[in-house]
Amino acid sequence: MTDVVDSDELLRRIQRARACAAEEERSWRARSDELAPSDPKAAQDAAVRTLAYEAVTRVLDEVLRPGSR
């Protein structure tokens, strides 16, 4: 990472990362709900991943909009 980026590009990158994390959070939440009846252990793993992506989304929200939460 030797490229220098301006603040607008950095903001766009953070926004894309936040959107990606939010999408992964939704995907893992759906997977957890889908697996709950048939495979509780896999559902629990998916729930943990959901929480991880939720944390990333919250941190990036705070970077983008300080004090919004």
C-alpha atoms as a PDB file:
ATOM      1  CA  MET A   1       0.000   0.000   0.000  1.00  0.00           C
ATOM      2  CA  THR A   2       2.234   2.733  -1.219  1.00  0.00           C
ATOM      3  CA  ASP A   3      -0.489   4.629  -3.058  1.00  0.00           C
ATOM      4  CA  VAL A   4      -1.418   7.979  -1.631  1.00  0.00           C
ATOM      5  CA  VAL A   5      -5.162   8.606  -1.636  1.00  0.00           C
ATOM      6  CA  ASP A   6      -7.080  11.784  -1.001  1.00  0.00           C
ATOM      7  CA  SER A   7      -9.775  12.124   1.632  1.00  0.00           C
ATOM      8  CA  ASP A   8     -12.608  11.619  -0.878  1.00  0.00           C
ATOM      9  CA  GLU A   9     -11.159   8.302  -2.026  1.00  0.00           C
ATOM     10  CA  LEU A  10     -10.619   7.219   1.571  1.00  0.00           C
ATOM     11  CA  LEU A  11     -14.242   8.072   2.355  1.00  0.00           C
ATOM     12  CA  ARG A  12     -15.451   6.051  -0.658  1.00  0.00           C
ATOM     13  CA  ARG A  13     -13.358   3.071   0.444  1.00  0.00           C
ATOM     14  CA  ILE A  14     -14.743   3.210   3.974  1.00  0.00           C
ATOM     15  CA  GLN A  15     -18.295   3.455   2.610  1.00  0.00           C
ATOM     16  CA  ARG A  16     -17.724   0.414   0.369  1.00  0.00           C
ATOM     17  CA  ALA A  17     -16.272  -1.517   3.309  1.00  0.00           C
ATOM     18  CA  ARG A  18     -19.291  -0.599   5.445  1.00  0.00           C
ATOM     19  CA  ALA A  19     -21.711  -1.688   2.711  1.00  0.00           C
ATOM     20  CA  CYS A  20     -19.842  -4.976   2.306  1.00  0.00           C
ATOM     21  CA  ALA A  21     -19.884  -5.629   6.066  1.00  0.00           C
ATOM     22  CA  ALA A  22     -23.610  -4.848   6.248  1.00  0.00           C
ATOM     23  CA  GLU A  23     -24.325  -7.254   3.384  1.00  0.00           C
ATOM     24  CA  GLU A  24     -22.266 -10.005   5.031  1.00  0.00           C
ATOM     25  CA  GLU A  25     -24.112  -9.375   8.295  1.00  0.00           C
ATOM     26  CA  ARG A  26     -27.478  -9.836   6.545  1.00  0.00           C
ATOM     27  CA  SER A  27     -26.236 -12.943   4.757  1.00  0.00           C
ATOM     28  CA  TRP A  28     -24.947 -14.627   7.919  1.00  0.00           C
ATOM     29  CA  ARG A  29     -28.100 -13.679   9.847  1.00  0.00           C
ATOM     30  CA  ALA A  30     -30.237 -15.332   7.166  1.00  0.00           C
ATOM     31  CA  ARG A  31     -27.989 -18.393   7.199  1.00  0.00           C
ATOM     32  CA  SER A  32     -28.254 -18.631  10.977  1.00  0.00           C
ATOM     33  CA  ASP A  33     -32.058 -18.434  10.810  1.00  0.00           C
ATOM     34  CA  GLU A  34     -32.144 -21.027   8.046  1.00  0.00           C
ATOM     35  CA  LEU A  35     -29.886 -23.487   9.886  1.00  0.00           C
ATOM     36  CA  ALA A  36     -31.427 -23.120  13.353  1.00  0.00           C
ATOM     37  CA  PRO A  37     -34.000 -25.927  13.023  1.00  0.00           C
ATOM     38  CA  SER A  38     -31.725 -28.468  11.341  1.00  0.00           C
ATOM     39  CA  ASP A  39     -28.170 -27.759  12.542  1.00  0.00           C
ATOM     40  CA  PRO A  40     -27.953 -25.792  15.793  1.00  0.00           C
ATOM     41  CA  LYS A  41     -24.137 -25.877  15.907  1.00  0.00           C
ATOM     42  CA  ALA A  42     -23.789 -24.409  12.408  1.00  0.00           C
ATOM     43  CA  ALA A  43     -26.513 -21.882  13.253  1.00  0.00           C
ATOM     44  CA  GLN A  44     -24.541 -20.816  16.321  1.00  0.00           C
ATOM     45  CA  ASP A  45     -21.387 -20.389  14.212  1.00  0.00           C
ATOM     46  CA  ALA A  46     -23.344 -18.269  11.738  1.00  0.00           C
ATOM     47  CA  ALA A  47     -24.728 -16.193  14.610  1.00  0.00           C
ATOM     48  CA  VAL A  48     -21.201 -15.506  15.875  1.00  0.00           C
ATOM     49  CA  ARG A  49     -20.168 -14.385  12.386  1.00  0.00           C
ATOM     50  CA  THR A  50     -23.251 -12.166  12.286  1.00  0.00           C
ATOM     51  CA  LEU A  51     -22.117 -10.478  15.491  1.00  0.00           C
ATOM     52  CA  ALA A  52     -18.616  -9.973  14.100  1.00  0.00           C
ATOM     53  CA  TYR A  53     -19.904  -8.267  10.971  1.00  0.00           C
ATOM     54  CA  GLU A  54     -22.332  -6.238  13.066  1.00  0.00           C
ATOM     55  CA  ALA A  55     -19.391  -4.964  15.115  1.00  0.00           C
ATOM     56  CA  VAL A  56     -17.477  -4.010  11.973  1.00  0.00           C
ATOM     57  CA  THR A  57     -20.534  -2.210  10.613  1.00  0.00           C
ATOM     58  CA  ARG A  58     -20.952  -0.275  13.864  1.00  0.00           C
ATOM     59  CA  VAL A  59     -17.310   0.782  13.934  1.00  0.00           C
ATOM     60  CA  LEU A  60     -17.425   1.963  10.331  1.00  0.00           C
ATOM     61  CA  ASP A  61     -20.689   3.799  11.045  1.00  0.00           C
ATOM     62  CA  GLU A  62     -18.914   5.640  13.846  1.00  0.00           C
ATOM     63  CA  VAL A  63     -16.014   6.517  11.532  1.00  0.00           C
ATOM     64  CA  LEU A  64     -18.390   7.816   8.883  1.00  0.00           C
ATOM     65  CA  ARG A  65     -20.831   9.570  11.234  1.00  0.00           C
ATOM     66  CA  PRO A  66     -19.300  10.207  14.671  1.00  0.00           C
ATOM     67  CA  GLY A  67     -21.845  10.109  17.467  1.00  0.00           C
ATOM     68  CA  SER A  68     -24.586   8.615  15.307  1.00  0.00           C
ATOM     69  CA  ARG A  69     -25.104   5.655  17.627  1.00  0.00           C
END
